[in-house]
Structures are given as structure tokens and as C-alpha cells.
Full PDB file with SEQRES, HELIX, SHEET, SSBOND, CRYST1, ORIGX, SCALE, CONECT and MASTER records, all heavy atoms in Angstrom:
SEQRES   1 A   43  ALA ASP VAL VAL LEU ASP ILE GLY HIS ARG ILE ALA MET          
SEQRES   2 A   43  HIS ILE ALA ALA SER ALA PRO THR TRP VAL SER LEU GLU          
SEQRES   3 A   43  ASP ILE PRO ALA GLU VAL VAL ALA GLU LYS ARG ALA ALA          
SEQRES   4 A   43  LEU THR GLU GLU                                              
HELIX    1 AA1 ASP A    2  SER A   18  1                                  17    
HELIX    2 AA2 LEU A   25  ASP A   27  5                                   3    
HELIX    3 AA3 ALA A   30  GLU A   42  1                                  13    
CRYST1    1.000    1.000    1.000  90.00  90.00  90.00 P 1           1          
ORIGX1      1.000000  0.000000  0.000000        0.00000                         
ORIGX2      0.000000  1.000000  0.000000        0.00000                         
ORIGX3      0.000000  0.000000  1.000000        0.00000                         
SCALE1      1.000000  0.000000  0.000000        0.00000                         
SCALE2      0.000000  1.000000  0.000000        0.00000                         
SCALE3      0.000000  0.000000  1.000000        0.00000                         
ATOM      1  N   ALA A   1       9.326  19.979 -15.303  1.00  0.00           N  
ATOM      2  CA  ALA A   1      10.713  19.506 -15.340  1.00  0.00           C  
ATOM      3  C   ALA A   1      11.543  20.086 -14.208  1.00  0.00           C  
ATOM      4  O   ALA A   1      12.355  19.371 -13.613  1.00  0.00           O  
ATOM      5  CB  ALA A   1      11.336  19.837 -16.688  1.00  0.00           C  
ATOM      6  N   ASP A   2      11.350  21.362 -13.861  1.00  0.00           N  
ATOM      7  CA  ASP A   2      12.178  21.970 -12.815  1.00  0.00           C  
ATOM      8  C   ASP A   2      11.967  21.300 -11.461  1.00  0.00           C  
ATOM      9  O   ASP A   2      12.918  21.053 -10.722  1.00  0.00           O  
ATOM     10  CB  ASP A   2      11.953  23.478 -12.732  1.00  0.00           C  
ATOM     11  CG  ASP A   2      10.511  23.869 -12.442  1.00  0.00           C  
ATOM     12  OD1 ASP A   2       9.592  23.102 -12.804  1.00  0.00           O  
ATOM     13  OD2 ASP A   2      10.305  24.958 -11.861  1.00  0.00           O  
ATOM     14  N   VAL A   3      10.729  20.965 -11.127  1.00  0.00           N  
ATOM     15  CA  VAL A   3      10.436  20.314  -9.848  1.00  0.00           C  
ATOM     16  C   VAL A   3      10.986  18.881  -9.847  1.00  0.00           C  
ATOM     17  O   VAL A   3      11.606  18.449  -8.882  1.00  0.00           O  
ATOM     18  CB  VAL A   3       8.915  20.303  -9.560  1.00  0.00           C  
ATOM     19  CG1 VAL A   3       8.610  19.515  -8.294  1.00  0.00           C  
ATOM     20  CG2 VAL A   3       8.400  21.723  -9.438  1.00  0.00           C  
ATOM     21  N   VAL A   4      10.782  18.167 -10.945  1.00  0.00           N  
ATOM     22  CA  VAL A   4      11.258  16.788 -11.046  1.00  0.00           C  
ATOM     23  C   VAL A   4      12.787  16.755 -11.009  1.00  0.00           C  
ATOM     24  O   VAL A   4      13.391  15.925 -10.316  1.00  0.00           O  
ATOM     25  CB  VAL A   4      10.703  16.098 -12.311  1.00  0.00           C  
ATOM     26  CG1 VAL A   4      11.284  14.703 -12.462  1.00  0.00           C  
ATOM     27  CG2 VAL A   4       9.186  16.037 -12.254  1.00  0.00           C  
ATOM     28  N   LEU A   5      13.427  17.668 -11.738  1.00  0.00           N  
ATOM     29  CA  LEU A   5      14.893  17.722 -11.726  1.00  0.00           C  
ATOM     30  C   LEU A   5      15.424  18.065 -10.340  1.00  0.00           C  
ATOM     31  O   LEU A   5      16.432  17.515  -9.894  1.00  0.00           O  
ATOM     32  CB  LEU A   5      15.405  18.733 -12.752  1.00  0.00           C  
ATOM     33  CG  LEU A   5      15.308  18.297 -14.204  1.00  0.00           C  
ATOM     34  CD1 LEU A   5      15.664  19.448 -15.134  1.00  0.00           C  
ATOM     35  CD2 LEU A   5      16.202  17.094 -14.462  1.00  0.00           C  
ATOM     36  N   ASP A   6      14.747  18.965  -9.642  1.00  0.00           N  
ATOM     37  CA  ASP A   6      15.192  19.356  -8.307  1.00  0.00           C  
ATOM     38  C   ASP A   6      15.154  18.168  -7.341  1.00  0.00           C  
ATOM     39  O   ASP A   6      16.139  17.886  -6.665  1.00  0.00           O  
ATOM     40  CB  ASP A   6      14.337  20.507  -7.758  1.00  0.00           C  
ATOM     41  CG  ASP A   6      14.762  20.900  -6.365  1.00  0.00           C  
ATOM     42  OD1 ASP A   6      15.944  21.302  -6.195  1.00  0.00           O  
ATOM     43  OD2 ASP A   6      13.938  20.788  -5.433  1.00  0.00           O  
ATOM     44  N   ILE A   7      14.033  17.472  -7.278  1.00  0.00           N  
ATOM     45  CA  ILE A   7      13.967  16.327  -6.357  1.00  0.00           C  
ATOM     46  C   ILE A   7      14.896  15.219  -6.831  1.00  0.00           C  
ATOM     47  O   ILE A   7      15.512  14.533  -6.020  1.00  0.00           O  
ATOM     48  CB  ILE A   7      12.514  15.819  -6.137  1.00  0.00           C  
ATOM     49  CG1 ILE A   7      12.463  14.796  -4.980  1.00  0.00           C  
ATOM     50  CG2 ILE A   7      11.933  15.207  -7.391  1.00  0.00           C  
ATOM     51  CD1 ILE A   7      12.815  15.334  -3.627  1.00  0.00           C  
ATOM     52  N   GLY A   8      15.039  15.045  -8.132  1.00  0.00           N  
ATOM     53  CA  GLY A   8      15.972  14.044  -8.646  1.00  0.00           C  
ATOM     54  C   GLY A   8      17.399  14.338  -8.217  1.00  0.00           C  
ATOM     55  O   GLY A   8      18.136  13.440  -7.800  1.00  0.00           O  
ATOM     56  N   HIS A   9      17.790  15.607  -8.280  1.00  0.00           N  
ATOM     57  CA  HIS A   9      19.128  16.011  -7.854  1.00  0.00           C  
ATOM     58  C   HIS A   9      19.315  15.770  -6.360  1.00  0.00           C  
ATOM     59  O   HIS A   9      20.343  15.235  -5.924  1.00  0.00           O  
ATOM     60  CB  HIS A   9      19.350  17.490  -8.200  1.00  0.00           C  
ATOM     61  CG  HIS A   9      20.702  17.981  -7.848  1.00  0.00           C  
ATOM     62  ND1 HIS A   9      20.925  18.854  -6.818  1.00  0.00           N  
ATOM     63  CD2 HIS A   9      21.920  17.711  -8.392  1.00  0.00           C  
ATOM     64  CE1 HIS A   9      22.214  19.107  -6.733  1.00  0.00           C  
ATOM     65  NE2 HIS A   9      22.843  18.422  -7.677  1.00  0.00           N  
ATOM     66  N   ARG A  10      18.326  16.135  -5.575  1.00  0.00           N  
ATOM     67  CA  ARG A  10      18.422  15.943  -4.121  1.00  0.00           C  
ATOM     68  C   ARG A  10      18.447  14.458  -3.756  1.00  0.00           C  
ATOM     69  O   ARG A  10      19.191  14.045  -2.854  1.00  0.00           O  
ATOM     70  CB  ARG A  10      17.290  16.676  -3.411  1.00  0.00           C  
ATOM     71  CG  ARG A  10      17.476  18.201  -3.539  1.00  0.00           C  
ATOM     72  CD  ARG A  10      16.497  19.028  -2.739  1.00  0.00           C  
ATOM     73  NE  ARG A  10      15.130  18.855  -3.221  1.00  0.00           N  
ATOM     74  CZ  ARG A  10      14.091  18.675  -2.418  1.00  0.00           C  
ATOM     75  NH1 ARG A  10      14.230  18.631  -1.117  1.00  0.00           N  
ATOM     76  NH2 ARG A  10      12.881  18.530  -2.927  1.00  0.00           N  
ATOM     77  N   ILE A  11      17.677  13.640  -4.454  1.00  0.00           N  
ATOM     78  CA  ILE A  11      17.693  12.198  -4.188  1.00  0.00           C  
ATOM     79  C   ILE A  11      19.031  11.596  -4.625  1.00  0.00           C  
ATOM     80  O   ILE A  11      19.584  10.738  -3.935  1.00  0.00           O  
ATOM     81  CB  ILE A  11      16.496  11.501  -4.854  1.00  0.00           C  
ATOM     82  CG1 ILE A  11      15.223  11.875  -4.095  1.00  0.00           C  
ATOM     83  CG2 ILE A  11      16.682   9.984  -4.880  1.00  0.00           C  
ATOM     84  CD1 ILE A  11      13.949  11.376  -4.718  1.00  0.00           C  
ATOM     85  N   ALA A  12      19.575  12.076  -5.734  1.00  0.00           N  
ATOM     86  CA  ALA A  12      20.889  11.592  -6.178  1.00  0.00           C  
ATOM     87  C   ALA A  12      21.962  11.914  -5.140  1.00  0.00           C  
ATOM     88  O   ALA A  12      22.822  11.073  -4.844  1.00  0.00           O  
ATOM     89  CB  ALA A  12      21.249  12.201  -7.532  1.00  0.00           C  
ATOM     90  N   MET A  13      21.908  13.111  -4.563  1.00  0.00           N  
ATOM     91  CA  MET A  13      22.873  13.463  -3.510  1.00  0.00           C  
ATOM     92  C   MET A  13      22.693  12.541  -2.306  1.00  0.00           C  
ATOM     93  O   MET A  13      23.670  12.097  -1.691  1.00  0.00           O  
ATOM     94  CB  MET A  13      22.723  14.924  -3.110  1.00  0.00           C  
ATOM     95  CG  MET A  13      23.219  15.878  -4.174  1.00  0.00           C  
ATOM     96  SD  MET A  13      23.358  17.605  -3.646  1.00  0.00           S  
ATOM     97  CE  MET A  13      21.719  17.971  -3.063  1.00  0.00           C  
ATOM     98  N   HIS A  14      21.445  12.259  -1.973  1.00  0.00           N  
ATOM     99  CA  HIS A  14      21.176  11.348  -0.857  1.00  0.00           C  
ATOM    100  C   HIS A  14      21.760   9.960  -1.135  1.00  0.00           C  
ATOM    101  O   HIS A  14      22.406   9.367  -0.272  1.00  0.00           O  
ATOM    102  CB  HIS A  14      19.668  11.231  -0.593  1.00  0.00           C  
ATOM    103  CG  HIS A  14      19.351  10.139   0.357  1.00  0.00           C  
ATOM    104  ND1 HIS A  14      19.375  10.320   1.723  1.00  0.00           N  
ATOM    105  CD2 HIS A  14      19.067   8.821   0.161  1.00  0.00           C  
ATOM    106  CE1 HIS A  14      19.106   9.166   2.312  1.00  0.00           C  
ATOM    107  NE2 HIS A  14      18.914   8.239   1.380  1.00  0.00           N  
ATOM    108  N   ILE A  15      21.541   9.436  -2.328  1.00  0.00           N  
ATOM    109  CA  ILE A  15      22.040   8.111  -2.698  1.00  0.00           C  
ATOM    110  C   ILE A  15      23.561   8.085  -2.631  1.00  0.00           C  
ATOM    111  O   ILE A  15      24.156   7.129  -2.134  1.00  0.00           O  
ATOM    112  CB  ILE A  15      21.521   7.689  -4.087  1.00  0.00           C  
ATOM    113  CG1 ILE A  15      20.006   7.459  -4.024  1.00  0.00           C  
ATOM    114  CG2 ILE A  15      22.247   6.446  -4.592  1.00  0.00           C  
ATOM    115  CD1 ILE A  15      19.334   7.333  -5.380  1.00  0.00           C  
ATOM    116  N   ALA A  16      24.203   9.146  -3.109  1.00  0.00           N  
ATOM    117  CA  ALA A  16      25.665   9.228  -3.046  1.00  0.00           C  
ATOM    118  C   ALA A  16      26.148   9.155  -1.596  1.00  0.00           C  
ATOM    119  O   ALA A  16      27.125   8.471  -1.293  1.00  0.00           O  
ATOM    120  CB  ALA A  16      26.160  10.509  -3.704  1.00  0.00           C  
ATOM    121  N   ALA A  17      25.442   9.830  -0.703  1.00  0.00           N  
ATOM    122  CA  ALA A  17      25.849   9.872   0.701  1.00  0.00           C  
ATOM    123  C   ALA A  17      25.464   8.620   1.486  1.00  0.00           C  
ATOM    124  O   ALA A  17      26.213   8.170   2.358  1.00  0.00           O  
ATOM    125  CB  ALA A  17      25.222  11.094   1.375  1.00  0.00           C  
ATOM    126  N   SER A  18      24.302   8.043   1.177  1.00  0.00           N  
ATOM    127  CA  SER A  18      23.759   6.975   2.022  1.00  0.00           C  
ATOM    128  C   SER A  18      23.840   5.570   1.445  1.00  0.00           C  
ATOM    129  O   SER A  18      23.583   4.608   2.162  1.00  0.00           O  
ATOM    130  CB  SER A  18      22.299   7.294   2.361  1.00  0.00           C  
ATOM    131  OG  SER A  18      22.225   8.535   3.032  1.00  0.00           O  
ATOM    132  N   ALA A  19      24.136   5.433   0.176  1.00  0.00           N  
ATOM    133  CA  ALA A  19      24.336   4.137  -0.484  1.00  0.00           C  
ATOM    134  C   ALA A  19      23.236   3.109  -0.218  1.00  0.00           C  
ATOM    135  O   ALA A  19      23.503   1.999   0.243  1.00  0.00           O  
ATOM    136  CB  ALA A  19      25.693   3.560  -0.109  1.00  0.00           C  
ATOM    137  N   PRO A  20      21.968   3.449  -0.513  1.00  0.00           N  
ATOM    138  CA  PRO A  20      20.921   2.432  -0.363  1.00  0.00           C  
ATOM    139  C   PRO A  20      21.132   1.313  -1.385  1.00  0.00           C  
ATOM    140  O   PRO A  20      21.879   1.473  -2.348  1.00  0.00           O  
ATOM    141  CB  PRO A  20      19.636   3.206  -0.661  1.00  0.00           C  
ATOM    142  CG  PRO A  20      20.071   4.312  -1.554  1.00  0.00           C  
ATOM    143  CD  PRO A  20      21.453   4.681  -1.108  1.00  0.00           C  
ATOM    144  N   THR A  21      20.467   0.197  -1.159  1.00  0.00           N  
ATOM    145  CA  THR A  21      20.584  -0.943  -2.063  1.00  0.00           C  
ATOM    146  C   THR A  21      19.349  -1.100  -2.933  1.00  0.00           C  
ATOM    147  O   THR A  21      19.465  -1.464  -4.095  1.00  0.00           O  
ATOM    148  CB  THR A  21      20.807  -2.236  -1.239  1.00  0.00           C  
ATOM    149  OG1 THR A  21      21.915  -2.019  -0.346  1.00  0.00           O  
ATOM    150  CG2 THR A  21      21.120  -3.416  -2.135  1.00  0.00           C  
ATOM    151  N   TRP A  22      18.175  -0.827  -2.364  1.00  0.00           N  
ATOM    152  CA  TRP A  22      16.912  -0.997  -3.086  1.00  0.00           C  
ATOM    153  C   TRP A  22      16.074   0.269  -2.982  1.00  0.00           C  
ATOM    154  O   TRP A  22      16.192   1.023  -2.015  1.00  0.00           O  
ATOM    155  CB  TRP A  22      16.125  -2.176  -2.530  1.00  0.00           C  
ATOM    156  CG  TRP A  22      16.814  -3.484  -2.730  1.00  0.00           C  
ATOM    157  CD1 TRP A  22      16.869  -4.215  -3.889  1.00  0.00           C  
ATOM    158  CD2 TRP A  22      17.580  -4.224  -1.778  1.00  0.00           C  
ATOM    159  NE1 TRP A  22      17.614  -5.356  -3.697  1.00  0.00           N  
ATOM    160  CE2 TRP A  22      18.066  -5.395  -2.419  1.00  0.00           C  
ATOM    161  CE3 TRP A  22      17.916  -4.021  -0.450  1.00  0.00           C  
ATOM    162  CZ2 TRP A  22      18.847  -6.343  -1.772  1.00  0.00           C  
ATOM    163  CZ3 TRP A  22      18.707  -4.959   0.196  1.00  0.00           C  
ATOM    164  CH2 TRP A  22      19.155  -6.106  -0.466  1.00  0.00           C  
ATOM    165  N   VAL A  23      15.180   0.483  -3.941  1.00  0.00           N  
ATOM    166  CA  VAL A  23      14.298   1.648  -3.937  1.00  0.00           C  
ATOM    167  C   VAL A  23      13.227   1.496  -2.867  1.00  0.00           C  
ATOM    168  O   VAL A  23      13.005   2.381  -2.057  1.00  0.00           O  
ATOM    169  CB  VAL A  23      13.630   1.865  -5.319  1.00  0.00           C  
ATOM    170  CG1 VAL A  23      12.589   2.978  -5.246  1.00  0.00           C  
ATOM    171  CG2 VAL A  23      14.664   2.189  -6.381  1.00  0.00           C  
ATOM    172  N   SER A  24      12.547   0.351  -2.853  1.00  0.00           N  
ATOM    173  CA  SER A  24      11.448   0.147  -1.908  1.00  0.00           C  
ATOM    174  C   SER A  24      11.550  -1.232  -1.259  1.00  0.00           C  
ATOM    175  O   SER A  24      12.306  -2.092  -1.710  1.00  0.00           O  
ATOM    176  CB  SER A  24      10.099   0.287  -2.611  1.00  0.00           C  
ATOM    177  OG  SER A  24       9.931  -0.752  -3.542  1.00  0.00           O  
ATOM    178  N   LEU A  25      10.773  -1.404  -0.227  1.00  0.00           N  
ATOM    179  CA  LEU A  25      10.746  -2.665   0.514  1.00  0.00           C  
ATOM    180  C   LEU A  25      10.406  -3.835  -0.396  1.00  0.00           C  
ATOM    181  O   LEU A  25      10.985  -4.916  -0.276  1.00  0.00           O  
ATOM    182  CB  LEU A  25       9.719  -2.541   1.639  1.00  0.00           C  
ATOM    183  CG  LEU A  25       9.757  -3.519   2.792  1.00  0.00           C  
ATOM    184  CD1 LEU A  25      11.119  -3.542   3.458  1.00  0.00           C  
ATOM    185  CD2 LEU A  25       8.698  -3.162   3.807  1.00  0.00           C  
ATOM    186  N   GLU A  26       9.507  -3.606  -1.338  1.00  0.00           N  
ATOM    187  CA  GLU A  26       9.064  -4.658  -2.250  1.00  0.00           C  
ATOM    188  C   GLU A  26      10.183  -5.118  -3.189  1.00  0.00           C  
ATOM    189  O   GLU A  26      10.107  -6.195  -3.774  1.00  0.00           O  
ATOM    190  CB  GLU A  26       7.866  -4.185  -3.074  1.00  0.00           C  
ATOM    191  CG  GLU A  26       6.619  -3.914  -2.261  1.00  0.00           C  
ATOM    192  CD  GLU A  26       6.674  -2.583  -1.509  1.00  0.00           C  
ATOM    193  OE1 GLU A  26       7.427  -1.667  -1.909  1.00  0.00           O  
ATOM    194  OE2 GLU A  26       5.980  -2.459  -0.492  1.00  0.00           O  
ATOM    195  N   ASP A  27      11.221  -4.315  -3.350  1.00  0.00           N  
ATOM    196  CA  ASP A  27      12.327  -4.653  -4.246  1.00  0.00           C  
ATOM    197  C   ASP A  27      13.325  -5.631  -3.629  1.00  0.00           C  
ATOM    198  O   ASP A  27      14.144  -6.210  -4.339  1.00  0.00           O  
ATOM    199  CB  ASP A  27      13.084  -3.387  -4.668  1.00  0.00           C  
ATOM    200  CG  ASP A  27      12.240  -2.450  -5.499  1.00  0.00           C  
ATOM    201  OD1 ASP A  27      11.298  -2.931  -6.169  1.00  0.00           O  
ATOM    202  OD2 ASP A  27      12.512  -1.235  -5.480  1.00  0.00           O  
ATOM    203  N   ILE A  28      13.284  -5.802  -2.322  1.00  0.00           N  
ATOM    204  CA  ILE A  28      14.224  -6.709  -1.671  1.00  0.00           C  
ATOM    205  C   ILE A  28      13.823  -8.144  -1.996  1.00  0.00           C  
ATOM    206  O   ILE A  28      12.679  -8.538  -1.748  1.00  0.00           O  
ATOM    207  CB  ILE A  28      14.243  -6.525  -0.142  1.00  0.00           C  
ATOM    208  CG1 ILE A  28      14.588  -5.079   0.222  1.00  0.00           C  
ATOM    209  CG2 ILE A  28      15.242  -7.482   0.506  1.00  0.00           C  
ATOM    210  CD1 ILE A  28      14.508  -4.793   1.711  1.00  0.00           C  
ATOM    211  N   PRO A  29      14.743  -8.937  -2.544  1.00  0.00           N  
ATOM    212  CA  PRO A  29      14.411 -10.333  -2.845  1.00  0.00           C  
ATOM    213  C   PRO A  29      14.007 -11.096  -1.572  1.00  0.00           C  
ATOM    214  O   PRO A  29      14.593 -10.898  -0.495  1.00  0.00           O  
ATOM    215  CB  PRO A  29      15.711 -10.900  -3.420  1.00  0.00           C  
ATOM    216  CG  PRO A  29      16.464  -9.700  -3.915  1.00  0.00           C  
ATOM    217  CD  PRO A  29      16.096  -8.581  -2.978  1.00  0.00           C  
ATOM    218  N   ALA A  30      13.011 -11.952  -1.708  1.00  0.00           N  
ATOM    219  CA  ALA A  30      12.492 -12.717  -0.568  1.00  0.00           C  
ATOM    220  C   ALA A  30      13.584 -13.521   0.115  1.00  0.00           C  
ATOM    221  O   ALA A  30      13.598 -13.638   1.348  1.00  0.00           O  
ATOM    222  CB  ALA A  30      11.358 -13.632  -1.020  1.00  0.00           C  
ATOM    223  N   GLU A  31      14.528 -14.059  -0.667  1.00  0.00           N  
ATOM    224  CA  GLU A  31      15.594 -14.861  -0.058  1.00  0.00           C  
ATOM    225  C   GLU A  31      16.526 -14.001   0.799  1.00  0.00           C  
ATOM    226  O   GLU A  31      17.050 -14.474   1.808  1.00  0.00           O  
ATOM    227  CB  GLU A  31      16.385 -15.657  -1.106  1.00  0.00           C  
ATOM    228  CG  GLU A  31      17.078 -14.823  -2.163  1.00  0.00           C  
ATOM    229  CD  GLU A  31      16.221 -14.513  -3.378  1.00  0.00           C  
ATOM    230  OE1 GLU A  31      15.015 -14.806  -3.403  1.00  0.00           O  
ATOM    231  OE2 GLU A  31      16.794 -13.938  -4.326  1.00  0.00           O  
ATOM    232  N   VAL A  32      16.703 -12.727   0.436  1.00  0.00           N  
ATOM    233  CA  VAL A  32      17.537 -11.834   1.244  1.00  0.00           C  
ATOM    234  C   VAL A  32      16.847 -11.579   2.584  1.00  0.00           C  
ATOM    235  O   VAL A  32      17.480 -11.635   3.642  1.00  0.00           O  
ATOM    236  CB  VAL A  32      17.812 -10.510   0.498  1.00  0.00           C  
ATOM    237  CG1 VAL A  32      18.465  -9.486   1.418  1.00  0.00           C  
ATOM    238  CG2 VAL A  32      18.679 -10.757  -0.728  1.00  0.00           C  
ATOM    239  N   VAL A  33      15.546 -11.325   2.544  1.00  0.00           N  
ATOM    240  CA  VAL A  33      14.783 -11.095   3.770  1.00  0.00           C  
ATOM    241  C   VAL A  33      14.802 -12.352   4.646  1.00  0.00           C  
ATOM    242  O   VAL A  33      15.021 -12.271   5.858  1.00  0.00           O  
ATOM    243  CB  VAL A  33      13.331 -10.666   3.461  1.00  0.00           C  
ATOM    244  CG1 VAL A  33      12.506 -10.568   4.739  1.00  0.00           C  
ATOM    245  CG2 VAL A  33      13.324  -9.348   2.699  1.00  0.00           C  
ATOM    246  N   ALA A  34      14.600 -13.513   4.039  1.00  0.00           N  
ATOM    247  CA  ALA A  34      14.596 -14.773   4.794  1.00  0.00           C  
ATOM    248  C   ALA A  34      15.948 -15.020   5.454  1.00  0.00           C  
ATOM    249  O   ALA A  34      16.008 -15.409   6.627  1.00  0.00           O  
ATOM    250  CB  ALA A  34      14.222 -15.933   3.878  1.00  0.00           C  
ATOM    251  N   GLU A  35      17.029 -14.803   4.717  1.00  0.00           N  
ATOM    252  CA  GLU A  35      18.367 -15.007   5.280  1.00  0.00           C  
ATOM    253  C   GLU A  35      18.639 -14.038   6.425  1.00  0.00           C  
ATOM    254  O   GLU A  35      19.185 -14.428   7.458  1.00  0.00           O  
ATOM    255  CB  GLU A  35      19.435 -14.832   4.199  1.00  0.00           C  
ATOM    256  CG  GLU A  35      19.482 -15.974   3.207  1.00  0.00           C  
ATOM    257  CD  GLU A  35      20.440 -15.700   2.047  1.00  0.00           C  
ATOM    258  OE1 GLU A  35      21.265 -14.758   2.139  1.00  0.00           O  
ATOM    259  OE2 GLU A  35      20.356 -16.431   1.046  1.00  0.00           O  
ATOM    260  N   LYS A  36      18.265 -12.773   6.242  1.00  0.00           N  
ATOM    261  CA  LYS A  36      18.481 -11.769   7.286  1.00  0.00           C  
ATOM    262  C   LYS A  36      17.650 -12.097   8.509  1.00  0.00           C  
ATOM    263  O   LYS A  36      18.135 -12.025   9.643  1.00  0.00           O  
ATOM    264  CB  LYS A  36      18.130 -10.378   6.743  1.00  0.00           C  
ATOM    265  CG  LYS A  36      18.497  -9.263   7.677  1.00  0.00           C  
ATOM    266  CD  LYS A  36      19.996  -9.137   7.803  1.00  0.00           C  
ATOM    267  CE  LYS A  36      20.381  -7.943   8.645  1.00  0.00           C  
ATOM    268  NZ  LYS A  36      21.831  -7.833   8.830  1.00  0.00           N  
ATOM    269  N   ARG A  37      16.386 -12.492   8.300  1.00  0.00           N  
ATOM    270  CA  ARG A  37      15.513 -12.856   9.424  1.00  0.00           C  
ATOM    271  C   ARG A  37      16.084 -14.052  10.191  1.00  0.00           C  
ATOM    272  O   ARG A  37      16.115 -14.056  11.417  1.00  0.00           O  
ATOM    273  CB  ARG A  37      14.102 -13.171   8.939  1.00  0.00           C  
ATOM    274  CG  ARG A  37      13.117 -13.483  10.063  1.00  0.00           C  
ATOM    275  CD  ARG A  37      11.735 -13.786   9.537  1.00  0.00           C  
ATOM    276  NE  ARG A  37      11.108 -12.664   8.866  1.00  0.00           N  
ATOM    277  CZ  ARG A  37      10.495 -11.660   9.499  1.00  0.00           C  
ATOM    278  NH1 ARG A  37      10.456 -11.636  10.806  1.00  0.00           N  
ATOM    279  NH2 ARG A  37       9.928 -10.688   8.806  1.00  0.00           N  
ATOM    280  N   ALA A  38      16.574 -15.057   9.474  1.00  0.00           N  
ATOM    281  CA  ALA A  38      17.148 -16.243  10.121  1.00  0.00           C  
ATOM    282  C   ALA A  38      18.376 -15.871  10.942  1.00  0.00           C  
ATOM    283  O   ALA A  38      18.526 -16.333  12.083  1.00  0.00           O  
ATOM    284  CB  ALA A  38      17.504 -17.289   9.068  1.00  0.00           C  
ATOM    285  N   ALA A  39      19.237 -15.042  10.385  1.00  0.00           N  
ATOM    286  CA  ALA A  39      20.446 -14.632  11.108  1.00  0.00           C  
ATOM    287  C   ALA A  39      20.093 -13.821  12.352  1.00  0.00           C  
ATOM    288  O   ALA A  39      20.670 -14.036  13.433  1.00  0.00           O  
ATOM    289  CB  ALA A  39      21.360 -13.826  10.191  1.00  0.00           C  
ATOM    290  N   LEU A  40      19.141 -12.905  12.226  1.00  0.00           N  
ATOM    291  CA  LEU A  40      18.729 -12.094  13.367  1.00  0.00           C  
ATOM    292  C   LEU A  40      18.032 -12.938  14.426  1.00  0.00           C  
ATOM    293  O   LEU A  40      18.208 -12.707  15.628  1.00  0.00           O  
ATOM    294  CB  LEU A  40      17.811 -10.953  12.905  1.00  0.00           C  
ATOM    295  CG  LEU A  40      18.472  -9.861  12.071  1.00  0.00           C  
ATOM    296  CD1 LEU A  40      17.421  -8.902  11.526  1.00  0.00           C  
ATOM    297  CD2 LEU A  40      19.524  -9.114  12.875  1.00  0.00           C  
ATOM    298  N   THR A  41      17.251 -13.925  13.992  1.00  0.00           N  
ATOM    299  CA  THR A  41      16.564 -14.816  14.933  1.00  0.00           C  
ATOM    300  C   THR A  41      17.583 -15.627  15.724  1.00  0.00           C  
ATOM    301  O   THR A  41      17.482 -15.744  16.956  1.00  0.00           O  
ATOM    302  CB  THR A  41      15.588 -15.747  14.192  1.00  0.00           C  
ATOM    303  OG1 THR A  41      14.609 -14.937  13.515  1.00  0.00           O  
ATOM    304  CG2 THR A  41      14.882 -16.697  15.145  1.00  0.00           C  
ATOM    305  N   GLU A  42      18.563 -16.185  15.046  1.00  0.00           N  
ATOM    306  CA  GLU A  42      19.611 -16.965  15.725  1.00  0.00           C  
ATOM    307  C   GLU A  42      20.359 -16.092  16.729  1.00  0.00           C  
ATOM    308  O   GLU A  42      20.611 -16.500  17.856  1.00  0.00           O  
ATOM    309  CB  GLU A  42      20.583 -17.556  14.695  1.00  0.00           C  
ATOM    310  CG  GLU A  42      21.677 -18.394  15.293  1.00  0.00           C  
ATOM    311  CD  GLU A  42      21.170 -19.558  16.146  1.00  0.00           C  
ATOM    312  OE1 GLU A  42      20.121 -20.139  15.821  1.00  0.00           O  
ATOM    313  OE2 GLU A  42      21.839 -19.880  17.164  1.00  0.00           O  
ATOM    314  N   GLU A  43      20.693 -14.888  16.317  1.00  0.00           N  
ATOM    315  CA  GLU A  43      21.405 -13.960  17.201  1.00  0.00           C  
ATOM    316  C   GLU A  43      20.560 -13.622  18.432  1.00  0.00           C  
ATOM    317  O   GLU A  43      21.053 -13.612  19.554  1.00  0.00           O  
ATOM    318  CB  GLU A  43      21.724 -12.691  16.411  1.00  0.00           C  
ATOM    319  CG  GLU A  43      22.479 -11.643  17.168  1.00  0.00           C  
ATOM    320  CD  GLU A  43      22.702 -10.403  16.320  1.00  0.00           C  
ATOM    321  OE1 GLU A  43      23.219 -10.531  15.188  1.00  0.00           O  
ATOM    322  OE2 GLU A  43      22.346  -9.305  16.793  1.00  0.00           O  
TER     323      GLU A  43                                                      
MASTER        0    0    0    3    0    0    0    6  322    1    0    4          
END                                                                             
């Protein structure tokens, strides 16, 4: 528990500071990736 709580606390501080949207790459909806890719391609 002490090790898990420690990394959990440090990750929580990171999330507070960095405001991620998803945990992992696989969590991003395919339509979000497609829309972002299309916008970046056009640009």
C-alpha cells in the first residue's frame, strides 16, 4: 500500500499540473484521432 499510495499521490500531482485527457493512447476515441489527423494534414 505505501508504494502504491506514493506513486498514486505523485501521479495525482502530475494530473493536477498537466491536465491530461486520457490515460493511454488506446483510450483516445478513433474519431478524435481521425479529426486531429485531418486538421494537421490540411495545415
